[in-house]
C-alpha atoms as a PDB file:
ATOM      1  CA  UNK A   1      -0.131   0.065   0.088  1.00  0.00           C
ATOM      2  CA  UNK A   2       1.222   3.450  -0.744  1.00  0.00           C
ATOM      3  CA  UNK A   3       1.533   5.933   2.008  1.00  0.00           C
ATOM      4  CA  UNK A   4      -1.582   7.871   3.099  1.00  0.00           C
ATOM      5  CA  UNK A   5      -2.224  11.031   4.304  1.00  0.00           C
ATOM      6  CA  UNK A   6      -4.437  11.396   7.314  1.00  0.00           C
ATOM      7  CA  UNK A   7      -6.290  14.632   7.615  1.00  0.00           C
ATOM      8  CA  UNK A   8      -9.235  13.071  10.047  1.00  0.00           C
ATOM      9  CA  UNK A   9      -9.539   9.990  11.812  1.00  0.00           C
ATOM     10  CA  UNK A  10     -12.921   8.520  13.572  1.00  0.00           C
ATOM     11  CA  UNK A  11     -12.850   6.553  16.495  1.00  0.00           C
ATOM     12  CA  UNK A  12     -15.392   4.023  17.264  1.00  0.00           C
ATOM     13  CA  UNK A  13     -15.844   2.046  20.335  1.00  0.00           C
ATOM     14  CA  UNK A  14     -17.978  -1.081  21.203  1.00  0.00           C
ATOM     15  CA  UNK A  15     -20.505  -0.917  24.055  1.00  0.00           C
ATOM     16  CA  UNK A  16     -19.500  -1.549  27.525  1.00  0.00           C
ATOM     17  CA  UNK A  17     -15.756  -0.792  26.823  1.00  0.00           C
ATOM     18  CA  UNK A  18     -15.259   1.902  29.609  1.00  0.00           C
ATOM     19  CA  UNK A  19     -11.645   1.135  29.383  1.00  0.00           C
ATOM     20  CA  UNK A  20     -11.666   2.599  25.899  1.00  0.00           C
ATOM     21  CA  UNK A  21     -11.658   6.126  27.327  1.00  0.00           C
ATOM     22  CA  UNK A  22      -8.187   6.108  28.278  1.00  0.00           C
ATOM     23  CA  UNK A  23      -7.150   4.980  24.791  1.00  0.00           C
ATOM     24  CA  UNK A  24      -9.133   7.203  23.201  1.00  0.00           C
ATOM     25  CA  UNK A  25      -7.876  10.140  24.985  1.00  0.00           C
ATOM     26  CA  UNK A  26      -4.349   9.001  24.320  1.00  0.00           C
ATOM     27  CA  UNK A  27      -5.248   8.655  20.585  1.00  0.00           C
ATOM     28  CA  UNK A  28      -6.441  12.275  20.534  1.00  0.00           C
ATOM     29  CA  UNK A  29      -3.232  13.376  22.025  1.00  0.00           C
ATOM     30  CA  UNK A  30      -1.204  11.461  19.149  1.00  0.00           C
ATOM     31  CA  UNK A  31      -3.477  13.079  16.236  1.00  0.00           C
ATOM     32  CA  UNK A  32      -3.197  16.403  17.783  1.00  0.00           C
ATOM     33  CA  UNK A  33       0.972  16.158  17.745  1.00  0.00           C
ATOM     34  CA  UNK A  34       0.583  15.110  14.081  1.00  0.00           C
ATOM     35  CA  UNK A  35      -1.961  18.023  13.084  1.00  0.00           C
ATOM     36  CA  UNK A  36      -4.712  15.288  12.591  1.00  0.00           C
ATOM     37  CA  UNK A  37      -8.453  15.983  13.504  1.00  0.00           C
ATOM     38  CA  UNK A  38     -10.038  13.228  15.602  1.00  0.00           C
ATOM     39  CA  UNK A  39     -13.633  12.678  15.620  1.00  0.00           C
ATOM     40  CA  UNK A  40     -15.641   9.867  17.761  1.00  0.00           C
ATOM     41  CA  UNK A  41     -18.923   8.205  17.068  1.00  0.00           C
ATOM     42  CA  UNK A  42     -21.838   8.006  19.292  1.00  0.00           C
ATOM     43  CA  UNK A  43     -21.192   8.633  23.304  1.00  0.00           C
ATOM     44  CA  UNK A  44     -17.855   8.315  23.283  1.00  0.00           C
ATOM     45  CA  UNK A  45     -17.802  11.889  21.711  1.00  0.00           C
ATOM     46  CA  UNK A  46     -19.010  13.356  24.810  1.00  0.00           C
ATOM     47  CA  UNK A  47     -17.038  11.352  27.215  1.00  0.00           C
ATOM     48  CA  UNK A  48     -13.772  11.968  25.655  1.00  0.00           C
ATOM     49  CA  UNK A  49     -14.164  15.756  24.414  1.00  0.00           C
ATOM     50  CA  UNK A  50     -13.693  14.980  20.773  1.00  0.00           C
ATOM     51  CA  UNK A  51     -15.620  16.141  18.319  1.00  0.00           C
ATOM     52  CA  UNK A  52     -18.841  14.250  17.150  1.00  0.00           C
ATOM     53  CA  UNK A  53     -18.724  12.262  13.853  1.00  0.00           C
ATOM     54  CA  UNK A  54     -21.950  13.367  12.175  1.00  0.00           C
ATOM     55  CA  UNK A  55     -24.387  10.835  11.280  1.00  0.00           C
ATOM     56  CA  UNK A  56     -27.465  10.457   9.048  1.00  0.00           C
ATOM     57  CA  UNK A  57     -30.225   7.780   9.448  1.00  0.00           C
ATOM     58  CA  UNK A  58     -27.481   5.891  11.562  1.00  0.00           C
ATOM     59  CA  UNK A  59     -24.600   6.261   9.070  1.00  0.00           C
ATOM     60  CA  UNK A  60     -21.551   8.407   8.835  1.00  0.00           C
ATOM     61  CA  UNK A  61     -22.583  11.615   6.830  1.00  0.00           C
ATOM     62  CA  UNK A  62     -18.911  12.473   5.540  1.00  0.00           C
ATOM     63  CA  UNK A  63     -15.917  10.683   4.642  1.00  0.00           C
ATOM     64  CA  UNK A  64     -12.756  10.023   6.689  1.00  0.00           C
ATOM     65  CA  UNK A  65      -9.021   8.973   5.925  1.00  0.00           C
ATOM     66  CA  UNK A  66      -9.446   6.007   8.310  1.00  0.00           C
ATOM     67  CA  UNK A  67     -11.837   4.922  11.275  1.00  0.00           C
ATOM     68  CA  UNK A  68      -9.896   3.055  14.404  1.00  0.00           C
ATOM     69  CA  UNK A  69     -12.571   0.549  15.841  1.00  0.00           C
ATOM     70  CA  UNK A  70     -11.870  -0.408  19.605  1.00  0.00           C
ATOM     71  CA  UNK A  71     -13.828  -3.633  20.539  1.00  0.00           C
ATOM     72  CA  UNK A  72     -14.429  -7.171  19.111  1.00  0.00           C
ATOM     73  CA  UNK A  73     -15.624  -8.459  16.085  1.00  0.00           C
ATOM     74  CA  UNK A  74     -19.176  -7.650  16.948  1.00  0.00           C
ATOM     75  CA  UNK A  75     -17.976  -3.954  16.965  1.00  0.00           C
ATOM     76  CA  UNK A  76     -16.745  -4.332  13.655  1.00  0.00           C
ATOM     77  CA  UNK A  77     -19.804  -5.692  12.347  1.00  0.00           C
ATOM     78  CA  UNK A  78     -21.447  -2.596  13.944  1.00  0.00           C
ATOM     79  CA  UNK A  79     -18.850  -0.325  12.264  1.00  0.00           C
ATOM     80  CA  UNK A  80     -19.392  -1.833   8.896  1.00  0.00           C
ATOM     81  CA  UNK A  81     -22.963  -0.632   9.147  1.00  0.00           C
ATOM     82  CA  UNK A  82     -22.016   2.881  10.481  1.00  0.00           C
ATOM     83  CA  UNK A  83     -19.665   3.289   7.680  1.00  0.00           C
ATOM     84  CA  UNK A  84     -22.323   2.340   4.930  1.00  0.00           C
ATOM     85  CA  UNK A  85     -21.476   2.650   1.600  1.00  0.00           C
ATOM     86  CA  UNK A  86     -18.199   4.724   2.325  1.00  0.00           C
ATOM     87  CA  UNK A  87     -14.963   3.192   1.460  1.00  0.00           C
ATOM     88  CA  UNK A  88     -13.480   4.139   4.686  1.00  0.00           C
ATOM     89  CA  UNK A  89     -10.064   1.951   5.787  1.00  0.00           C
ATOM     90  CA  UNK A  90     -10.684   0.325   8.923  1.00  0.00           C
ATOM     91  CA  UNK A  91      -8.250  -0.747  11.852  1.00  0.00           C
ATOM     92  CA  UNK A  92      -9.432  -2.851  14.320  1.00  0.00           C
ATOM     93  CA  UNK A  93      -7.990  -2.816  17.492  1.00  0.00           C
ATOM     94  CA  UNK A  94      -9.274  -5.987  19.887  1.00  0.00           C
ATOM     95  CA  UNK A  95      -9.621  -5.514  23.759  1.00  0.00           C
ATOM     96  CA  UNK A  96      -9.277  -9.317  24.245  1.00  0.00           C
ATOM     97  CA  UNK A  97      -8.548 -12.423  22.317  1.00  0.00           C
ATOM     98  CA  UNK A  98      -7.450 -11.980  19.053  1.00  0.00           C
ATOM     99  CA  UNK A  99     -10.121 -11.548  16.554  1.00  0.00           C
ATOM    100  CA  UNK A 100     -11.082 -12.576  12.865  1.00  0.00           C
ATOM    101  CA  UNK A 101     -11.685  -8.772  12.166  1.00  0.00           C
ATOM    102  CA  UNK A 102      -9.697  -6.966  14.994  1.00  0.00           C
ATOM    103  CA  UNK A 103      -6.327  -8.158  14.345  1.00  0.00           C
ATOM    104  CA  UNK A 104      -4.377  -5.407  16.127  1.00  0.00           C
ATOM    105  CA  UNK A 105      -3.791  -5.435  19.768  1.00  0.00           C
ATOM    106  CA  UNK A 106      -3.432  -2.202  22.024  1.00  0.00           C
ATOM    107  CA  UNK A 107       0.156  -2.265  22.143  1.00  0.00           C
ATOM    108  CA  UNK A 108       0.076  -2.572  18.343  1.00  0.00           C
ATOM    109  CA  UNK A 109      -2.190   0.561  17.832  1.00  0.00           C
ATOM    110  CA  UNK A 110       0.364   3.215  17.381  1.00  0.00           C
ATOM    111  CA  UNK A 111       2.834   1.220  15.325  1.00  0.00           C
ATOM    112  CA  UNK A 112      -0.145   0.229  13.161  1.00  0.00           C
ATOM    113  CA  UNK A 113      -1.055   4.080  12.724  1.00  0.00           C
ATOM    114  CA  UNK A 114       2.397   4.838  11.646  1.00  0.00           C
ATOM    115  CA  UNK A 115       2.298   1.841   9.321  1.00  0.00           C
ATOM    116  CA  UNK A 116      -0.637   3.497   7.573  1.00  0.00           C
ATOM    117  CA  UNK A 117       1.266   6.735   7.282  1.00  0.00           C
ATOM    118  CA  UNK A 118       4.326   5.245   5.782  1.00  0.00           C
ATOM    119  CA  UNK A 119       2.138   2.815   3.662  1.00  0.00           C
ATOM    120  CA  UNK A 120       3.643  -0.502   5.014  1.00  0.00           C
ATOM    121  CA  UNK A 121       0.105  -2.025   5.915  1.00  0.00           C
ATOM    122  CA  UNK A 122      -2.183  -3.298   3.151  1.00  0.00           C
ATOM    123  CA  UNK A 123      -5.922  -3.190   2.798  1.00  0.00           C
ATOM    124  CA  UNK A 124      -7.920  -6.627   2.404  1.00  0.00           C
ATOM    125  CA  UNK A 125     -11.050  -5.595   0.754  1.00  0.00           C
ATOM    126  CA  UNK A 126     -13.792  -7.855   2.147  1.00  0.00           C
ATOM    127  CA  UNK A 127     -16.822  -9.139   0.079  1.00  0.00           C
ATOM    128  CA  UNK A 128     -20.104  -8.260   1.236  1.00  0.00           C
ATOM    129  CA  UNK A 129     -23.678  -8.957   0.529  1.00  0.00           C
ATOM    130  CA  UNK A 130     -26.586  -6.758  -0.274  1.00  0.00           C
ATOM    131  CA  UNK A 131     -29.852  -8.360   0.993  1.00  0.00           C
ATOM    132  CA  UNK A 132     -33.739  -7.461   0.019  1.00  0.00           C
ATOM    133  CA  UNK A 133     -36.634  -8.385   1.225  1.00  0.00           C
ATOM    134  CA  UNK A 134     -39.393  -8.258  -1.204  1.00  0.00           C
ATOM    135  CA  UNK A 135     -43.405  -8.600   0.023  1.00  0.00           C
ATOM    136  CA  UNK A 136     -45.452  -8.707  -3.183  1.00  0.00           C
ATOM    137  CA  UNK A 137     -44.219  -5.853  -5.259  1.00  0.00           C
ATOM    138  CA  UNK A 138     -42.963  -4.017  -2.175  1.00  0.00           C
ATOM    139  CA  UNK A 139     -39.266  -3.948  -0.943  1.00  0.00           C
ATOM    140  CA  UNK A 140     -39.807  -4.160   2.790  1.00  0.00           C
ATOM    141  CA  UNK A 141     -36.172  -3.733   3.669  1.00  0.00           C
ATOM    142  CA  UNK A 142     -32.582  -3.642   2.278  1.00  0.00           C
ATOM    143  CA  UNK A 143     -29.524  -4.067   4.215  1.00  0.00           C
ATOM    144  CA  UNK A 144     -25.680  -4.875   3.785  1.00  0.00           C
ATOM    145  CA  UNK A 145     -24.056  -8.025   5.370  1.00  0.00           C
ATOM    146  CA  UNK A 146     -20.280  -8.475   6.192  1.00  0.00           C
ATOM    147  CA  UNK A 147     -20.933 -11.741   7.637  1.00  0.00           C
ATOM    148  CA  UNK A 148     -24.442 -13.045   6.947  1.00  0.00           C
ATOM    149  CA  UNK A 149     -27.892 -13.079   6.345  1.00  0.00           C
ATOM    150  CA  UNK A 150     -29.622 -15.674   8.656  1.00  0.00           C
ATOM    151  CA  UNK A 151     -33.318 -16.800   8.237  1.00  0.00           C
ATOM    152  CA  UNK A 152     -34.085 -18.260  11.776  1.00  0.00           C
ATOM    153  CA  UNK A 153     -37.360 -19.775  13.197  1.00  0.00           C
ATOM    154  CA  UNK A 154     -38.394 -18.322  16.590  1.00  0.00           C
ATOM    155  CA  UNK A 155     -38.044 -20.685  20.003  1.00  0.00           C
ATOM    156  CA  UNK A 156     -41.597 -22.396  19.473  1.00  0.00           C
ATOM    157  CA  UNK A 157     -41.881 -22.274  15.790  1.00  0.00           C
ATOM    158  CA  UNK A 158     -42.245 -25.266  13.482  1.00  0.00           C
ATOM    159  CA  UNK A 159     -39.949 -26.282  10.867  1.00  0.00           C
ATOM    160  CA  UNK A 160     -39.855 -23.934   7.951  1.00  0.00           C
ATOM    161  CA  UNK A 161     -40.058 -24.766   4.312  1.00  0.00           C
ATOM    162  CA  UNK A 162     -38.535 -22.579   1.606  1.00  0.00           C
ATOM    163  CA  UNK A 163     -37.687 -22.787  -2.026  1.00  0.00           C
ATOM    164  CA  UNK A 164     -34.066 -21.509  -2.795  1.00  0.00           C
ATOM    165  CA  UNK A 165     -33.098 -20.396  -6.465  1.00  0.00           C
ATOM    166  CA  UNK A 166     -29.662 -19.341  -7.962  1.00  0.00           C
ATOM    167  CA  UNK A 167     -29.432 -16.988 -10.852  1.00  0.00           C
ATOM    168  CA  UNK A 168     -33.102 -18.001 -11.375  1.00  0.00           C
ATOM    169  CA  UNK A 169     -32.833 -21.624 -11.574  1.00  0.00           C
ATOM    170  CA  UNK A 170     -34.559 -23.981  -8.755  1.00  0.00           C
ATOM    171  CA  UNK A 171     -31.737 -25.678  -6.532  1.00  0.00           C
ATOM    172  CA  UNK A 172     -34.191 -27.391  -4.097  1.00  0.00           C
ATOM    173  CA  UNK A 173     -37.045 -26.984  -1.568  1.00  0.00           C
ATOM    174  CA  UNK A 174     -35.336 -27.178   1.898  1.00  0.00           C
ATOM    175  CA  UNK A 175     -37.366 -28.143   5.032  1.00  0.00           C
ATOM    176  CA  UNK A 176     -35.171 -26.946   8.108  1.00  0.00           C
ATOM    177  CA  UNK A 177     -35.048 -24.693  11.111  1.00  0.00           C
ATOM    178  CA  UNK A 178     -33.542 -21.886   9.009  1.00  0.00           C
ATOM    179  CA  UNK A 179     -30.509 -20.773   6.411  1.00  0.00           C
ATOM    180  CA  UNK A 180     -27.478 -19.124   6.632  1.00  0.00           C
ATOM    181  CA  UNK A 181     -26.143 -17.097   3.714  1.00  0.00           C
ATOM    182  CA  UNK A 182     -22.759 -16.008   4.545  1.00  0.00           C
ATOM    183  CA  UNK A 183     -19.787 -14.341   3.147  1.00  0.00           C
ATOM    184  CA  UNK A 184     -16.314 -15.728   3.107  1.00  0.00           C
ATOM    185  CA  UNK A 185     -15.664 -13.365   6.083  1.00  0.00           C
ATOM    186  CA  UNK A 186     -18.828 -14.830   7.904  1.00  0.00           C
ATOM    187  CA  UNK A 187     -17.823 -18.503   7.099  1.00  0.00           C
ATOM    188  CA  UNK A 188     -15.994 -18.720  10.545  1.00  0.00           C
ATOM    189  CA  UNK A 189     -19.318 -17.414  12.190  1.00  0.00           C
ATOM    190  CA  UNK A 190     -22.542 -18.973  12.594  1.00  0.00           C
ATOM    191  CA  UNK A 191     -22.178 -20.918   9.563  1.00  0.00           C
ATOM    192  CA  UNK A 192     -19.007 -22.827  10.804  1.00  0.00           C
ATOM    193  CA  UNK A 193     -21.221 -23.734  13.939  1.00  0.00           C
ATOM    194  CA  UNK A 194     -23.867 -24.821  11.833  1.00  0.00           C
ATOM    195  CA  UNK A 195     -21.515 -27.234   9.484  1.00  0.00           C
ATOM    196  CA  UNK A 196     -20.609 -24.849   6.932  1.00  0.00           C
ATOM    197  CA  UNK A 197     -17.033 -24.872   5.565  1.00  0.00           C
ATOM    198  CA  UNK A 198     -14.255 -22.381   5.919  1.00  0.00           C
ATOM    199  CA  UNK A 199     -13.623 -20.321   2.895  1.00  0.00           C
ATOM    200  CA  UNK A 200     -10.765 -17.682   2.796  1.00  0.00           C
ATOM    201  CA  UNK A 201     -11.833 -14.086   3.183  1.00  0.00           C
ATOM    202  CA  UNK A 202     -10.376 -13.287  -0.133  1.00  0.00           C
ATOM    203  CA  UNK A 203     -12.603 -15.547  -2.189  1.00  0.00           C
ATOM    204  CA  UNK A 204     -15.592 -14.263  -4.144  1.00  0.00           C
ATOM    205  CA  UNK A 205     -18.051 -16.750  -2.988  1.00  0.00           C
ATOM    206  CA  UNK A 206     -21.548 -16.888  -1.413  1.00  0.00           C
ATOM    207  CA  UNK A 207     -22.225 -19.881   1.356  1.00  0.00           C
ATOM    208  CA  UNK A 208     -25.561 -21.192   1.950  1.00  0.00           C
ATOM    209  CA  UNK A 209     -25.880 -23.419   5.133  1.00  0.00           C
ATOM    210  CA  UNK A 210     -29.025 -24.913   5.964  1.00  0.00           C
ATOM    211  CA  UNK A 211     -29.800 -24.813   9.814  1.00  0.00           C
ATOM    212  CA  UNK A 212     -30.821 -28.279  11.054  1.00  0.00           C
ATOM    213  CA  UNK A 213     -32.195 -29.725   7.755  1.00  0.00           C
ATOM    214  CA  UNK A 214     -34.966 -32.443   7.773  1.00  0.00           C
ATOM    215  CA  UNK A 215     -32.775 -34.339   5.414  1.00  0.00           C
ATOM    216  CA  UNK A 216     -29.141 -35.135   6.009  1.00  0.00           C
ATOM    217  CA  UNK A 217     -28.163 -34.996   2.524  1.00  0.00           C
ATOM    218  CA  UNK A 218     -29.075 -31.244   2.161  1.00  0.00           C
ATOM    219  CA  UNK A 219     -25.397 -30.047   2.703  1.00  0.00           C
ATOM    220  CA  UNK A 220     -23.887 -26.413   2.548  1.00  0.00           C
ATOM    221  CA  UNK A 221     -23.370 -25.139  -0.676  1.00  0.00           C
ATOM    222  CA  UNK A 222     -20.498 -22.497  -2.203  1.00  0.00           C
ATOM    223  CA  UNK A 223     -21.312 -20.554  -5.244  1.00  0.00           C
ATOM    224  CA  UNK A 224     -19.813 -17.888  -7.197  1.00  0.00           C
ATOM    225  CA  UNK A 225     -19.697 -14.287  -5.584  1.00  0.00           C
ATOM    226  CA  UNK A 226     -21.741 -13.163  -8.799  1.00  0.00           C
ATOM    227  CA  UNK A 227     -24.469 -15.488  -8.303  1.00  0.00           C
ATOM    228  CA  UNK A 228     -27.960 -14.089  -7.153  1.00  0.00           C
ATOM    229  CA  UNK A 229     -29.431 -16.033  -4.463  1.00  0.00           C
ATOM    230  CA  UNK A 230     -33.453 -16.257  -3.805  1.00  0.00           C
ATOM    231  CA  UNK A 231     -35.178 -17.614  -0.825  1.00  0.00           C
ATOM    232  CA  UNK A 232     -39.082 -17.978  -1.215  1.00  0.00           C
ATOM    233  CA  UNK A 233     -40.985 -19.119   1.924  1.00  0.00           C
ATOM    234  CA  UNK A 234     -43.879 -21.605   1.330  1.00  0.00           C
ATOM    235  CA  UNK A 235     -44.530 -22.465   4.830  1.00  0.00           C
ATOM    236  CA  UNK A 236     -43.902 -20.362   8.275  1.00  0.00           C
ATOM    237  CA  UNK A 237     -44.745 -19.959  11.568  1.00  0.00           C
ATOM    238  CA  UNK A 238     -44.758 -17.111  13.948  1.00  0.00           C
ATOM    239  CA  UNK A 239     -41.549 -15.541  14.668  1.00  0.00           C
ATOM    240  CA  UNK A 240     -39.591 -16.145  11.631  1.00  0.00           C
ATOM    241  CA  UNK A 241     -37.070 -13.580  11.154  1.00  0.00           C
ATOM    242  CA  UNK A 242     -34.121 -12.304   8.771  1.00  0.00           C
ATOM    243  CA  UNK A 243     -31.384 -11.283  10.766  1.00  0.00           C
ATOM    244  CA  UNK A 244     -28.316  -9.174   9.199  1.00  0.00           C
ATOM    245  CA  UNK A 245     -25.059  -9.713  10.965  1.00  0.00           C
ATOM    246  CA  UNK A 246     -26.744 -10.573  14.165  1.00  0.00           C
ATOM    247  CA  UNK A 247     -27.655  -7.030  14.572  1.00  0.00           C
ATOM    248  CA  UNK A 248     -30.730  -5.783  12.406  1.00  0.00           C
ATOM    249  CA  UNK A 249     -33.843  -8.330  12.104  1.00  0.00           C
ATOM    250  CA  UNK A 250     -36.956  -8.139   9.937  1.00  0.00           C
ATOM    251  CA  UNK A 251     -40.474 -10.472  10.605  1.00  0.00           C
ATOM    252  CA  UNK A 252     -40.903 -12.788   7.598  1.00  0.00           C
ATOM    253  CA  UNK A 253     -44.250 -13.711   6.113  1.00  0.00           C
ATOM    254  CA  UNK A 254     -45.640 -16.733   3.995  1.00  0.00           C
ATOM    255  CA  UNK A 255     -44.495 -16.103  -0.019  1.00  0.00           C
ATOM    256  CA  UNK A 256     -41.992 -13.210   1.224  1.00  0.00           C
ATOM    257  CA  UNK A 257     -38.764 -13.472  -1.093  1.00  0.00           C
ATOM    258  CA  UNK A 258     -35.399 -12.705   0.045  1.00  0.00           C
ATOM    259  CA  UNK A 259     -32.676 -11.655  -2.710  1.00  0.00           C
ATOM    260  CA  UNK A 260     -29.129 -11.519  -1.951  1.00  0.00           C
ATOM    261  CA  UNK A 261     -26.036 -10.587  -4.351  1.00  0.00           C
ATOM    262  CA  UNK A 262     -22.620  -9.253  -4.137  1.00  0.00           C
ATOM    263  CA  UNK A 263     -22.625  -5.458  -2.744  1.00  0.00           C
ATOM    264  CA  UNK A 264     -20.475  -2.930  -4.699  1.00  0.00           C
ATOM    265  CA  UNK A 265     -19.254  -1.768  -1.650  1.00  0.00           C
ATOM    266  CA  UNK A 266     -16.302  -3.660   0.144  1.00  0.00           C
ATOM    267  CA  UNK A 267     -15.275  -3.367   4.022  1.00  0.00           C
ATOM    268  CA  UNK A 268     -11.593  -2.038   3.883  1.00  0.00           C
ATOM    269  CA  UNK A 269      -9.816  -3.589   6.571  1.00  0.00           C
ATOM    270  CA  UNK A 270      -6.413  -2.859   7.285  1.00  0.00           C
ATOM    271  CA  UNK A 271      -4.017  -5.638   7.855  1.00  0.00           C
ATOM    272  CA  UNK A 272      -0.760  -6.099   9.796  1.00  0.00           C
ATOM    273  CA  UNK A 273       2.016  -7.331   7.616  1.00  0.00           C
ATOM    274  CA  UNK A 274       3.306  -9.942  10.097  1.00  0.00           C
ATOM    275  CA  UNK A 275       0.064 -11.853  10.460  1.00  0.00           C
ATOM    276  CA  UNK A 276      -1.777 -14.167   8.059  1.00  0.00           C
ATOM    277  CA  UNK A 277      -5.326 -15.742   8.020  1.00  0.00           C
ATOM    278  CA  UNK A 278      -4.155 -19.377   9.091  1.00  0.00           C
ATOM    279  CA  UNK A 279      -2.287 -17.797  11.923  1.00  0.00           C
ATOM    280  CA  UNK A 280      -5.935 -16.246  12.976  1.00  0.00           C
ATOM    281  CA  UNK A 281      -7.540 -19.383  12.271  1.00  0.00           C
ATOM    282  CA  UNK A 282      -5.107 -21.563  14.433  1.00  0.00           C
ATOM    283  CA  UNK A 283      -5.351 -19.332  17.372  1.00  0.00           C
ATOM    284  CA  UNK A 284      -9.077 -19.069  17.349  1.00  0.00           C
ATOM    285  CA  UNK A 285      -9.943 -22.277  16.510  1.00  0.00           C
ATOM    286  CA  UNK A 286      -7.304 -24.044  18.596  1.00  0.00           C
ATOM    287  CA  UNK A 287      -5.938 -26.101  16.204  1.00  0.00           C
ATOM    288  CA  UNK A 288      -2.652 -28.213  16.584  1.00  0.00           C
END
């Protein structure tokens, strides 16, 4: 990556991260010494004295040169929603275990920022999904997913029936507790726990993982990232939900249609030069 001029940085902090206040104050001093403006999202702006980042409808209303995310992978998913369609590079700093997305430790924060300035870090452009929920001729909701779109029944709901189409071609009728449609980034999240494959995050692919299918022969399927996936619901019961990245939920009714395809927006993740994806897998999954 070429060197990058930083004129304005944003900081986004996960919930219940009270210890992050000291980090944000130190970051503000680092920025002031380099004539860089620092803005904070949400309540952290008032707590730290930083300028508040303007938002519109839950998304940033202006571009930044970089956004620093302090928290865990769930905080990174929330940051992806905050960034919206803006192609802002993201530097994730983990407050606990090494994360799939938050790859820098607190001790590495300022070395990483210097790496952004001198161009020694690379940008990992992560594949995202556009998700649309249609009811009749009306589009009920549109969202963007970094990890996955999950159709799941309520706690006391019966098995659901859905038809799956890929590029307008009928794939199968599924009877299951639900379906996970994941990106390669999300392949190590809910999809993995439901028996889905690990897919390298640089792949352009969409993973379909049935949740507790009635037929054991209904296995996860990986298709091209250029595919258009459609789910149509023929039998449902009360409580069926579409959930985006575990953070946004929509009720599903009979004959609703969910359409999922590749987003033109990518999630631009700053990567440390001394760490690779398989190191993260070994650590998180306790391989070896």
